[in-house]
Amino acid sequence: MVSKKKSKEYEERIGQAMMVLGQISEDTTTPRNIRRAAKESMDSLQTGELTPAVKASNAISVLDDILQDPNMPPYTRVKLWNVMSLLEAIKD
Protein backbone atom coordinates (compact mmCIF):
# COMPACT_ATOMS: atom_id res chain seq x y z
CA MET A 1 0.00 0.00 0.00
CA VAL A 2 1.29 3.43 -0.96
CA SER A 3 1.22 6.08 1.78
CA LYS A 4 -1.00 9.15 1.41
CA LYS A 5 2.07 11.37 1.07
CA LYS A 6 3.52 9.19 -1.72
CA SER A 7 0.13 8.97 -3.39
CA LYS A 8 -0.15 12.77 -3.47
CA GLU A 9 3.40 13.05 -4.84
CA TYR A 10 2.59 10.53 -7.58
CA GLU A 11 -0.58 12.41 -8.52
CA GLU A 12 1.48 15.61 -8.80
CA ARG A 13 4.05 13.87 -11.00
CA ILE A 14 1.30 12.50 -13.23
CA GLY A 15 -0.23 15.99 -13.40
CA GLN A 16 3.09 17.51 -14.47
CA ALA A 17 3.57 14.77 -17.07
CA MET A 18 0.03 15.34 -18.38
CA MET A 19 0.71 19.06 -18.76
CA VAL A 20 3.86 18.49 -20.84
CA LEU A 21 2.25 15.72 -22.90
CA GLY A 22 -0.69 18.05 -23.54
CA GLN A 23 1.69 20.70 -24.88
CA ILE A 24 3.37 18.15 -27.15
CA SER A 25 0.05 16.75 -28.42
CA GLU A 26 -1.10 20.25 -29.41
CA ASP A 27 2.22 21.39 -30.96
CA THR A 28 1.63 21.58 -34.71
CA THR A 29 5.40 21.66 -35.40
CA THR A 30 5.65 18.12 -34.00
CA PRO A 31 4.96 15.24 -36.42
CA ARG A 32 1.47 13.73 -36.16
CA ASN A 33 2.62 10.25 -35.03
CA ILE A 34 4.51 11.80 -32.11
CA ARG A 35 1.50 13.91 -31.11
CA ARG A 36 -0.63 10.76 -31.31
CA ALA A 37 1.81 8.90 -29.02
CA ALA A 38 1.68 11.80 -26.54
CA LYS A 39 -2.14 11.60 -26.54
CA GLU A 40 -1.99 7.82 -26.14
CA SER A 41 0.30 8.09 -23.12
CA MET A 42 -2.02 10.75 -21.64
CA ASP A 43 -4.90 8.28 -22.04
CA SER A 44 -2.95 5.58 -20.23
CA LEU A 45 -2.19 8.00 -17.37
CA GLN A 46 -5.92 8.71 -17.00
CA THR A 47 -7.05 5.09 -16.85
CA GLY A 48 -9.01 4.95 -13.61
CA GLU A 49 -8.71 1.40 -12.33
CA LEU A 50 -4.92 1.00 -12.49
CA THR A 51 -2.34 1.86 -9.84
CA PRO A 52 -0.18 4.96 -10.45
CA ALA A 53 2.86 2.75 -11.14
CA VAL A 54 1.03 0.73 -13.80
CA LYS A 55 -0.31 3.89 -15.44
CA ALA A 56 3.21 5.36 -15.49
CA SER A 57 4.69 2.14 -16.85
CA ASN A 58 2.16 2.01 -19.68
CA ALA A 59 2.82 5.64 -20.60
CA ILE A 60 6.60 5.09 -20.53
CA SER A 61 6.20 2.10 -22.82
CA VAL A 62 4.33 4.21 -25.41
CA LEU A 63 6.89 7.03 -25.20
CA ASP A 64 9.85 4.67 -25.33
CA ASP A 65 8.68 3.36 -28.72
CA ILE A 66 8.36 6.84 -30.21
CA LEU A 67 11.66 8.24 -28.87
CA GLN A 68 13.57 6.43 -31.63
CA ASP A 69 11.74 8.41 -34.32
CA PRO A 70 14.32 10.30 -36.44
CA ASN A 71 11.71 12.95 -37.34
CA MET A 72 11.26 14.08 -33.75
CA PRO A 73 12.33 17.68 -33.12
CA PRO A 74 15.12 17.82 -30.50
CA TYR A 75 13.13 20.06 -28.14
CA THR A 76 10.26 17.54 -28.18
CA ARG A 77 12.66 14.69 -27.40
CA VAL A 78 13.97 16.61 -24.36
CA LYS A 79 10.40 17.20 -23.14
CA LEU A 80 9.63 13.49 -23.50
CA TRP A 81 12.78 12.54 -21.58
CA ASN A 82 11.65 14.87 -18.79
CA VAL A 83 8.21 13.26 -18.75
CA MET A 84 9.76 9.81 -18.62
CA SER A 85 12.02 10.74 -15.70
CA LEU A 86 8.98 12.11 -13.83
CA LEU A 87 7.08 8.89 -14.44
CA GLU A 88 9.95 6.52 -13.70
CA ALA A 89 9.98 7.71 -10.08
CA ILE A 90 6.47 6.32 -9.55
CA LYS A 91 6.58 2.93 -7.82
CA ASP A 92 3.98 0.69 -6.17
PDB file of N, CA and C in Angstrom:
ATOM      1  N   MET A   1       0.843  -1.200   0.000  1.00  0.00           N
ATOM      2  CA  MET A   1       0.000   0.000   0.000  1.00  0.00           C
ATOM      3  C   MET A   1       0.880   1.252   0.000  1.00  0.00           C
ATOM      4  N   VAL A   2       0.543   2.182  -0.847  1.00  0.00           N
ATOM      5  CA  VAL A   2       1.290   3.429  -0.957  1.00  0.00           C
ATOM      6  C   VAL A   2       0.744   4.424   0.063  1.00  0.00           C
ATOM      7  N   SER A   3       1.655   5.107   0.767  1.00  0.00           N
ATOM      8  CA  SER A   3       1.224   6.083   1.778  1.00  0.00           C
ATOM      9  C   SER A   3       0.506   7.262   1.124  1.00  0.00           C
ATOM     10  N   LYS A   4      -0.263   7.986   1.920  1.00  0.00           N
ATOM     11  CA  LYS A   4      -0.999   9.153   1.408  1.00  0.00           C
ATOM     12  C   LYS A   4      -0.042  10.194   0.825  1.00  0.00           C
ATOM     13  N   LYS A   5       1.090  10.387   1.517  1.00  0.00           N
ATOM     14  CA  LYS A   5       2.075  11.372   1.067  1.00  0.00           C
ATOM     15  C   LYS A   5       2.623  10.975  -0.312  1.00  0.00           C
ATOM     16  N   LYS A   6       2.999   9.690  -0.441  1.00  0.00           N
ATOM     17  CA  LYS A   6       3.521   9.192  -1.718  1.00  0.00           C
ATOM     18  C   LYS A   6       2.446   9.303  -2.801  1.00  0.00           C
ATOM     19  N   SER A   7       1.229   8.938  -2.448  1.00  0.00           N
ATOM     20  CA  SER A   7       0.129   8.972  -3.394  1.00  0.00           C
ATOM     21  C   SER A   7      -0.069  10.385  -3.932  1.00  0.00           C
ATOM     22  N   LYS A   8       0.001  11.365  -3.055  1.00  0.00           N
ATOM     23  CA  LYS A   8      -0.151  12.768  -3.465  1.00  0.00           C
ATOM     24  C   LYS A   8       1.010  13.176  -4.382  1.00  0.00           C
ATOM     25  N   GLU A   9       2.224  12.751  -4.016  1.00  0.00           N
ATOM     26  CA  GLU A   9       3.403  13.054  -4.843  1.00  0.00           C
ATOM     27  C   GLU A   9       3.251  12.438  -6.237  1.00  0.00           C
ATOM     28  N   TYR A  10       2.770  11.200  -6.296  1.00  0.00           N
ATOM     29  CA  TYR A  10       2.590  10.526  -7.580  1.00  0.00           C
ATOM     30  C   TYR A  10       1.543  11.238  -8.428  1.00  0.00           C
ATOM     31  N   GLU A  11       0.454  11.680  -7.785  1.00  0.00           N
ATOM     32  CA  GLU A  11      -0.580  12.407  -8.519  1.00  0.00           C
ATOM     33  C   GLU A  11      -0.011  13.709  -9.091  1.00  0.00           C
ATOM     34  N   GLU A  12       0.847  14.383  -8.316  1.00  0.00           N
ATOM     35  CA  GLU A  12       1.482  15.615  -8.797  1.00  0.00           C
ATOM     36  C   GLU A  12       2.389  15.327  -9.987  1.00  0.00           C
ATOM     37  N   ARG A  13       3.161  14.248  -9.891  1.00  0.00           N
ATOM     38  CA  ARG A  13       4.047  13.869 -11.000  1.00  0.00           C
ATOM     39  C   ARG A  13       3.235  13.570 -12.258  1.00  0.00           C
ATOM     40  N   ILE A  14       2.151  12.831 -12.086  1.00  0.00           N
ATOM     41  CA  ILE A  14       1.299  12.500 -13.230  1.00  0.00           C
ATOM     42  C   ILE A  14       0.701  13.782 -13.808  1.00  0.00           C
ATOM     43  N   GLY A  15       0.311  14.707 -12.940  1.00  0.00           N
ATOM     44  CA  GLY A  15      -0.229  15.990 -13.397  1.00  0.00           C
ATOM     45  C   GLY A  15       0.783  16.776 -14.215  1.00  0.00           C
ATOM     46  N   GLN A  16       2.026  16.811 -13.732  1.00  0.00           N
ATOM     47  CA  GLN A  16       3.093  17.511 -14.470  1.00  0.00           C
ATOM     48  C   GLN A  16       3.317  16.842 -15.827  1.00  0.00           C
ATOM     49  N   ALA A  17       3.362  15.516 -15.823  1.00  0.00           N
ATOM     50  CA  ALA A  17       3.572  14.771 -17.070  1.00  0.00           C
ATOM     51  C   ALA A  17       2.427  15.051 -18.039  1.00  0.00           C
ATOM     52  N   MET A  18       1.194  15.084 -17.529  1.00  0.00           N
ATOM     53  CA  MET A  18       0.029  15.342 -18.376  1.00  0.00           C
ATOM     54  C   MET A  18       0.119  16.730 -19.021  1.00  0.00           C
ATOM     55  N   MET A  19       0.595  17.710 -18.246  1.00  0.00           N
ATOM     56  CA  MET A  19       0.714  19.062 -18.757  1.00  0.00           C
ATOM     57  C   MET A  19       1.691  19.109 -19.950  1.00  0.00           C
ATOM     58  N   VAL A  20       2.853  18.491 -19.776  1.00  0.00           N
ATOM     59  CA  VAL A  20       3.864  18.491 -20.841  1.00  0.00           C
ATOM     60  C   VAL A  20       3.373  17.686 -22.052  1.00  0.00           C
ATOM     61  N   LEU A  21       2.775  16.533 -21.792  1.00  0.00           N
ATOM     62  CA  LEU A  21       2.253  15.717 -22.896  1.00  0.00           C
ATOM     63  C   LEU A  21       1.158  16.465 -23.644  1.00  0.00           C
ATOM     64  N   GLY A  22       0.351  17.232 -22.911  1.00  0.00           N
ATOM     65  CA  GLY A  22      -0.689  18.046 -23.539  1.00  0.00           C
ATOM     66  C   GLY A  22      -0.083  19.077 -24.478  1.00  0.00           C
ATOM     67  N   GLN A  23       1.006  19.715 -24.037  1.00  0.00           N
ATOM     68  CA  GLN A  23       1.693  20.701 -24.884  1.00  0.00           C
ATOM     69  C   GLN A  23       2.215  20.034 -26.160  1.00  0.00           C
ATOM     70  N   ILE A  24       2.815  18.866 -25.994  1.00  0.00           N
ATOM     71  CA  ILE A  24       3.372  18.146 -27.150  1.00  0.00           C
ATOM     72  C   ILE A  24       2.255  17.747 -28.111  1.00  0.00           C
ATOM     73  N   SER A  25       1.142  17.238 -27.559  1.00  0.00           N
ATOM     74  CA  SER A  25       0.052  16.751 -28.419  1.00  0.00           C
ATOM     75  C   SER A  25      -0.629  17.878 -29.178  1.00  0.00           C
ATOM     76  N   GLU A  26      -0.469  19.116 -28.722  1.00  0.00           N
ATOM     77  CA  GLU A  26      -1.097  20.254 -29.410  1.00  0.00           C
ATOM     78  C   GLU A  26      -0.100  21.065 -30.242  1.00  0.00           C
ATOM     79  N   ASP A  27       1.168  20.655 -30.238  1.00  0.00           N
ATOM     80  CA  ASP A  27       2.216  21.391 -30.960  1.00  0.00           C
ATOM     81  C   ASP A  27       2.200  20.991 -32.438  1.00  0.00           C
ATOM     82  N   THR A  28       1.758  21.906 -33.297  1.00  0.00           N
ATOM     83  CA  THR A  28       1.633  21.576 -34.713  1.00  0.00           C
ATOM     84  C   THR A  28       2.980  21.438 -35.429  1.00  0.00           C
ATOM     85  N   THR A  29       4.080  21.840 -34.781  1.00  0.00           N
ATOM     86  CA  THR A  29       5.396  21.662 -35.403  1.00  0.00           C
ATOM     87  C   THR A  29       5.942  20.257 -35.149  1.00  0.00           C
ATOM     88  N   THR A  30       5.245  19.492 -34.307  1.00  0.00           N
ATOM     89  CA  THR A  30       5.648  18.118 -33.996  1.00  0.00           C
ATOM     90  C   THR A  30       4.917  17.170 -34.942  1.00  0.00           C
ATOM     91  N   PRO A  31       5.614  16.188 -35.513  1.00  0.00           N
ATOM     92  CA  PRO A  31       4.956  15.237 -36.425  1.00  0.00           C
ATOM     93  C   PRO A  31       3.727  14.560 -35.783  1.00  0.00           C
ATOM     94  N   ARG A  32       2.750  14.256 -36.622  1.00  0.00           N
ATOM     95  CA  ARG A  32       1.467  13.725 -36.157  1.00  0.00           C
ATOM     96  C   ARG A  32       1.610  12.434 -35.342  1.00  0.00           C
ATOM     97  N   ASN A  33       2.485  11.516 -35.763  1.00  0.00           N
ATOM     98  CA  ASN A  33       2.618  10.250 -35.033  1.00  0.00           C
ATOM     99  C   ASN A  33       3.146  10.475 -33.611  1.00  0.00           C
ATOM    100  N   ILE A  34       3.964  11.495 -33.435  1.00  0.00           N
ATOM    101  CA  ILE A  34       4.506  11.796 -32.108  1.00  0.00           C
ATOM    102  C   ILE A  34       3.427  12.441 -31.239  1.00  0.00           C
ATOM    103  N   ARG A  35       2.632  13.323 -31.847  1.00  0.00           N
ATOM    104  CA  ARG A  35       1.498  13.913 -31.109  1.00  0.00           C
ATOM    105  C   ARG A  35       0.513  12.828 -30.700  1.00  0.00           C
ATOM    106  N   ARG A  36       0.288  11.863 -31.601  1.00  0.00           N
ATOM    107  CA  ARG A  36      -0.629  10.758 -31.308  1.00  0.00           C
ATOM    108  C   ARG A  36      -0.095   9.922 -30.135  1.00  0.00           C
ATOM    109  N   ALA A  37       1.208   9.670 -30.116  1.00  0.00           N
ATOM    110  CA  ALA A  37       1.805   8.897 -29.016  1.00  0.00           C
ATOM    111  C   ALA A  37       1.686   9.667 -27.699  1.00  0.00           C
ATOM    112  N   ALA A  38       1.839  10.984 -27.750  1.00  0.00           N
ATOM    113  CA  ALA A  38       1.684  11.799 -26.536  1.00  0.00           C
ATOM    114  C   ALA A  38       0.255  11.684 -26.015  1.00  0.00           C
ATOM    115  N   LYS A  39      -0.734  11.743 -26.933  1.00  0.00           N
ATOM    116  CA  LYS A  39      -2.137  11.601 -26.537  1.00  0.00           C
ATOM    117  C   LYS A  39      -2.392  10.212 -25.950  1.00  0.00           C
ATOM    118  N   GLU A  40      -1.809   9.204 -26.591  1.00  0.00           N
ATOM    119  CA  GLU A  40      -1.986   7.822 -26.139  1.00  0.00           C
ATOM    120  C   GLU A  40      -1.425   7.639 -24.727  1.00  0.00           C
ATOM    121  N   SER A  41      -0.267   8.225 -24.459  1.00  0.00           N
ATOM    122  CA  SER A  41       0.304   8.094 -23.120  1.00  0.00           C
ATOM    123  C   SER A  41      -0.511   8.892 -22.108  1.00  0.00           C
ATOM    124  N   MET A  42      -1.121  10.008 -22.526  1.00  0.00           N
ATOM    125  CA  MET A  42      -2.024  10.745 -21.641  1.00  0.00           C
ATOM    126  C   MET A  42      -3.232   9.873 -21.277  1.00  0.00           C
ATOM    127  N   ASP A  43      -3.756   9.172 -22.289  1.00  0.00           N
ATOM    128  CA  ASP A  43      -4.901   8.281 -22.039  1.00  0.00           C
ATOM    129  C   ASP A  43      -4.532   7.200 -21.032  1.00  0.00           C
ATOM    130  N   SER A  44      -3.333   6.640 -21.169  1.00  0.00           N
ATOM    131  CA  SER A  44      -2.947   5.577 -20.234  1.00  0.00           C
ATOM    132  C   SER A  44      -2.726   6.130 -18.825  1.00  0.00           C
ATOM    133  N   LEU A  45      -2.352   7.399 -18.703  1.00  0.00           N
ATOM    134  CA  LEU A  45      -2.194   8.005 -17.374  1.00  0.00           C
ATOM    135  C   LEU A  45      -3.550   8.306 -16.731  1.00  0.00           C
ATOM    136  N   GLN A  46      -4.590   8.383 -17.532  1.00  0.00           N
ATOM    137  CA  GLN A  46      -5.917   8.714 -17.003  1.00  0.00           C
ATOM    138  C   GLN A  46      -6.781   7.489 -16.750  1.00  0.00           C
ATOM    139  N   THR A  47      -6.285   6.306 -17.077  1.00  0.00           N
ATOM    140  CA  THR A  47      -7.054   5.093 -16.852  1.00  0.00           C
ATOM    141  C   THR A  47      -7.340   4.951 -15.362  1.00  0.00           C
ATOM    142  N   GLY A  48      -8.606   4.881 -15.013  1.00  0.00           N
ATOM    143  CA  GLY A  48      -9.009   4.946 -13.612  1.00  0.00           C
ATOM    144  C   GLY A  48      -8.638   3.772 -12.732  1.00  0.00           C
ATOM    145  N   GLU A  49      -8.793   2.554 -13.223  1.00  0.00           N
ATOM    146  CA  GLU A  49      -8.709   1.396 -12.334  1.00  0.00           C
ATOM    147  C   GLU A  49      -7.295   0.868 -12.073  1.00  0.00           C
ATOM    148  N   LEU A  50      -6.291   1.474 -12.678  1.00  0.00           N
ATOM    149  CA  LEU A  50      -4.918   0.995 -12.492  1.00  0.00           C
ATOM    150  C   LEU A  50      -4.190   1.776 -11.401  1.00  0.00           C
ATOM    151  N   THR A  51      -3.150   1.157 -10.836  1.00  0.00           N
ATOM    152  CA  THR A  51      -2.341   1.855  -9.836  1.00  0.00           C
ATOM    153  C   THR A  51      -1.488   2.904 -10.546  1.00  0.00           C
ATOM    154  N   PRO A  52      -1.023   3.940  -9.827  1.00  0.00           N
ATOM    155  CA  PRO A  52      -0.178   4.960 -10.454  1.00  0.00           C
ATOM    156  C   PRO A  52       1.049   4.365 -11.151  1.00  0.00           C
ATOM    157  N   ALA A  53       1.655   3.350 -10.553  1.00  0.00           N
ATOM    158  CA  ALA A  53       2.858   2.752 -11.142  1.00  0.00           C
ATOM    159  C   ALA A  53       2.551   2.069 -12.469  1.00  0.00           C
ATOM    160  N   VAL A  54       1.406   1.405 -12.556  1.00  0.00           N
ATOM    161  CA  VAL A  54       1.027   0.727 -13.800  1.00  0.00           C
ATOM    162  C   VAL A  54       0.699   1.758 -14.875  1.00  0.00           C
ATOM    163  N   LYS A  55      -0.011   2.816 -14.491  1.00  0.00           N
ATOM    164  CA  LYS A  55      -0.307   3.893 -15.442  1.00  0.00           C
ATOM    165  C   LYS A  55       0.992   4.471 -15.994  1.00  0.00           C
ATOM    166  N   ALA A  56       1.931   4.767 -15.086  1.00  0.00           N
ATOM    167  CA  ALA A  56       3.214   5.357 -15.486  1.00  0.00           C
ATOM    168  C   ALA A  56       3.976   4.407 -16.409  1.00  0.00           C
ATOM    169  N   SER A  57       3.986   3.145 -16.057  1.00  0.00           N
ATOM    170  CA  SER A  57       4.693   2.140 -16.846  1.00  0.00           C
ATOM    171  C   SER A  57       4.118   2.045 -18.261  1.00  0.00           C
ATOM    172  N   ASN A  58       2.798   2.068 -18.369  1.00  0.00           N
ATOM    173  CA  ASN A  58       2.158   2.006 -19.685  1.00  0.00           C
ATOM    174  C   ASN A  58       2.507   3.233 -20.521  1.00  0.00           C
ATOM    175  N   ALA A  59       2.494   4.400 -19.890  1.00  0.00           N
ATOM    176  CA  ALA A  59       2.823   5.641 -20.600  1.00  0.00           C
ATOM    177  C   ALA A  59       4.281   5.628 -21.061  1.00  0.00           C
ATOM    178  N   ILE A  60       5.174   5.163 -20.182  1.00  0.00           N
ATOM    179  CA  ILE A  60       6.598   5.087 -20.525  1.00  0.00           C
ATOM    180  C   ILE A  60       6.803   4.164 -21.718  1.00  0.00           C
ATOM    181  N   SER A  61       6.088   3.062 -21.733  1.00  0.00           N
ATOM    182  CA  SER A  61       6.197   2.104 -22.823  1.00  0.00           C
ATOM    183  C   SER A  61       5.839   2.751 -24.162  1.00  0.00           C
ATOM    184  N   VAL A  62       4.754   3.519 -24.185  1.00  0.00           N
ATOM    185  CA  VAL A  62       4.334   4.207 -25.411  1.00  0.00           C
ATOM    186  C   VAL A  62       5.403   5.213 -25.841  1.00  0.00           C
ATOM    187  N   LEU A  63       5.905   5.990 -24.886  1.00  0.00           N
ATOM    188  CA  LEU A  63       6.891   7.032 -25.199  1.00  0.00           C
ATOM    189  C   LEU A  63       8.217   6.433 -25.629  1.00  0.00           C
ATOM    190  N   ASP A  64       8.584   5.325 -25.013  1.00  0.00           N
ATOM    191  CA  ASP A  64       9.845   4.670 -25.335  1.00  0.00           C
ATOM    192  C   ASP A  64       9.887   4.266 -26.812  1.00  0.00           C
ATOM    193  N   ASP A  65       8.758   3.776 -27.316  1.00  0.00           N
ATOM    194  CA  ASP A  65       8.685   3.363 -28.717  1.00  0.00           C
ATOM    195  C   ASP A  65       8.898   4.548 -29.656  1.00  0.00           C
ATOM    196  N   ILE A  66       8.325   5.686 -29.307  1.00  0.00           N
ATOM    197  CA  ILE A  66       8.356   6.839 -30.209  1.00  0.00           C
ATOM    198  C   ILE A  66       9.681   7.614 -30.129  1.00  0.00           C
ATOM    199  N   LEU A  67      10.420   7.468 -29.035  1.00  0.00           N
ATOM    200  CA  LEU A  67      11.662   8.239 -28.868  1.00  0.00           C
ATOM    201  C   LEU A  67      12.711   7.942 -29.937  1.00  0.00           C
ATOM    202  N   GLN A  68      12.599   6.798 -30.594  1.00  0.00           N
ATOM    203  CA  GLN A  68      13.572   6.432 -31.627  1.00  0.00           C
ATOM    204  C   GLN A  68      13.285   7.099 -32.960  1.00  0.00           C
ATOM    205  N   ASP A  69      12.153   7.794 -33.064  1.00  0.00           N
ATOM    206  CA  ASP A  69      11.738   8.413 -34.324  1.00  0.00           C
ATOM    207  C   ASP A  69      12.732   9.480 -34.772  1.00  0.00           C
ATOM    208  N   PRO A  70      13.327   9.318 -35.962  1.00  0.00           N
ATOM    209  CA  PRO A  70      14.319  10.295 -36.436  1.00  0.00           C
ATOM    210  C   PRO A  70      13.698  11.654 -36.798  1.00  0.00           C
ATOM    211  N   ASN A  71      12.378  11.694 -36.978  1.00  0.00           N
ATOM    212  CA  ASN A  71      11.707  12.953 -37.343  1.00  0.00           C
ATOM    213  C   ASN A  71      11.343  13.815 -36.145  1.00  0.00           C
ATOM    214  N   MET A  72      11.646  13.331 -34.950  1.00  0.00           N
ATOM    215  CA  MET A  72      11.260  14.079 -33.753  1.00  0.00           C
ATOM    216  C   MET A  72      12.151  15.308 -33.575  1.00  0.00           C
ATOM    217  N   PRO A  73      11.518  16.477 -33.394  1.00  0.00           N
ATOM    218  CA  PRO A  73      12.326  17.679 -33.124  1.00  0.00           C
ATOM    219  C   PRO A  73      13.082  17.514 -31.799  1.00  0.00           C
ATOM    220  N   PRO A  74      14.313  17.992 -31.728  1.00  0.00           N
ATOM    221  CA  PRO A  74      15.120  17.817 -30.503  1.00  0.00           C
ATOM    222  C   PRO A  74      14.453  18.357 -29.240  1.00  0.00           C
ATOM    223  N   TYR A  75      13.764  19.500 -29.337  1.00  0.00           N
ATOM    224  CA  TYR A  75      13.127  20.059 -28.143  1.00  0.00           C
ATOM    225  C   TYR A  75      11.985  19.172 -27.651  1.00  0.00           C
ATOM    226  N   THR A  76      11.321  18.467 -28.573  1.00  0.00           N
ATOM    227  CA  THR A  76      10.258  17.541 -28.176  1.00  0.00           C
ATOM    228  C   THR A  76      10.864  16.327 -27.481  1.00  0.00           C
ATOM    229  N   ARG A  77      11.987  15.842 -28.006  1.00  0.00           N
ATOM    230  CA  ARG A  77      12.657  14.688 -27.397  1.00  0.00           C
ATOM    231  C   ARG A  77      13.058  15.008 -25.956  1.00  0.00           C
ATOM    232  N   VAL A  78      13.578  16.214 -25.720  1.00  0.00           N
ATOM    233  CA  VAL A  78      13.972  16.615 -24.362  1.00  0.00           C
ATOM    234  C   VAL A  78      12.747  16.639 -23.439  1.00  0.00           C
ATOM    235  N   LYS A  79      11.631  17.175 -23.943  1.00  0.00           N
ATOM    236  CA  LYS A  79      10.401  17.203 -23.138  1.00  0.00           C
ATOM    237  C   LYS A  79       9.965  15.779 -22.782  1.00  0.00           C
ATOM    238  N   LEU A  80      10.049  14.873 -23.753  1.00  0.00           N
ATOM    239  CA  LEU A  80       9.633  13.486 -23.498  1.00  0.00           C
ATOM    240  C   LEU A  80      10.564  12.807 -22.493  1.00  0.00           C
ATOM    241  N   TRP A  81      11.857  13.091 -22.574  1.00  0.00           N
ATOM    242  CA  TRP A  81      12.785  12.540 -21.580  1.00  0.00           C
ATOM    243  C   TRP A  81      12.413  13.031 -20.188  1.00  0.00           C
ATOM    244  N   ASN A  82      12.057  14.319 -20.084  1.00  0.00           N
ATOM    245  CA  ASN A  82      11.652  14.871 -18.792  1.00  0.00           C
ATOM    246  C   ASN A  82      10.394  14.183 -18.265  1.00  0.00           C
ATOM    247  N   VAL A  83       9.441  13.958 -19.146  1.00  0.00           N
ATOM    248  CA  VAL A  83       8.211  13.263 -18.748  1.00  0.00           C
ATOM    249  C   VAL A  83       8.545  11.854 -18.256  1.00  0.00           C
ATOM    250  N   MET A  84       9.407  11.171 -19.010  1.00  0.00           N
ATOM    251  CA  MET A  84       9.764   9.807 -18.616  1.00  0.00           C
ATOM    252  C   MET A  84      10.474   9.772 -17.264  1.00  0.00           C
ATOM    253  N   SER A  85      11.337  10.738 -17.003  1.00  0.00           N
ATOM    254  CA  SER A  85      12.020  10.735 -15.703  1.00  0.00           C
ATOM    255  C   SER A  85      11.037  11.033 -14.575  1.00  0.00           C
ATOM    256  N   LEU A  86      10.028  11.869 -14.832  1.00  0.00           N
ATOM    257  CA  LEU A  86       8.980  12.107 -13.829  1.00  0.00           C
ATOM    258  C   LEU A  86       8.247  10.804 -13.528  1.00  0.00           C
ATOM    259  N   LEU A  87       7.886  10.093 -14.594  1.00  0.00           N
ATOM    260  CA  LEU A  87       7.076   8.888 -14.440  1.00  0.00           C
ATOM    261  C   LEU A  87       7.862   7.707 -13.875  1.00  0.00           C
ATOM    262  N   GLU A  88       9.156   7.647 -14.188  1.00  0.00           N
ATOM    263  CA  GLU A  88       9.952   6.516 -13.704  1.00  0.00           C
ATOM    264  C   GLU A  88      10.098   6.508 -12.189  1.00  0.00           C
ATOM    265  N   ALA A  89       9.873   7.642 -11.546  1.00  0.00           N
ATOM    266  CA  ALA A  89       9.982   7.713 -10.078  1.00  0.00           C
ATOM    267  C   ALA A  89       8.738   7.154  -9.384  1.00  0.00           C
ATOM    268  N   ILE A  90       7.707   6.826 -10.148  1.00  0.00           N
ATOM    269  CA  ILE A  90       6.473   6.321  -9.552  1.00  0.00           C
ATOM    270  C   ILE A  90       6.569   4.811  -9.387  1.00  0.00           C
ATOM    271  N   LYS A  91       6.484   4.367  -8.153  1.00  0.00           N
ATOM    272  CA  LYS A  91       6.583   2.928  -7.823  1.00  0.00           C
ATOM    273  C   LYS A  91       5.383   2.507  -6.970  1.00  0.00           C
ATOM    274  N   ASP A  92       5.063   1.215  -7.028  1.00  0.00           N
ATOM    275  CA  ASP A  92       3.978   0.690  -6.169  1.00  0.00           C
ATOM    276  C   ASP A  92       4.477   0.388  -4.779  1.00  0.00           C
TER     277      ASP A  92
END
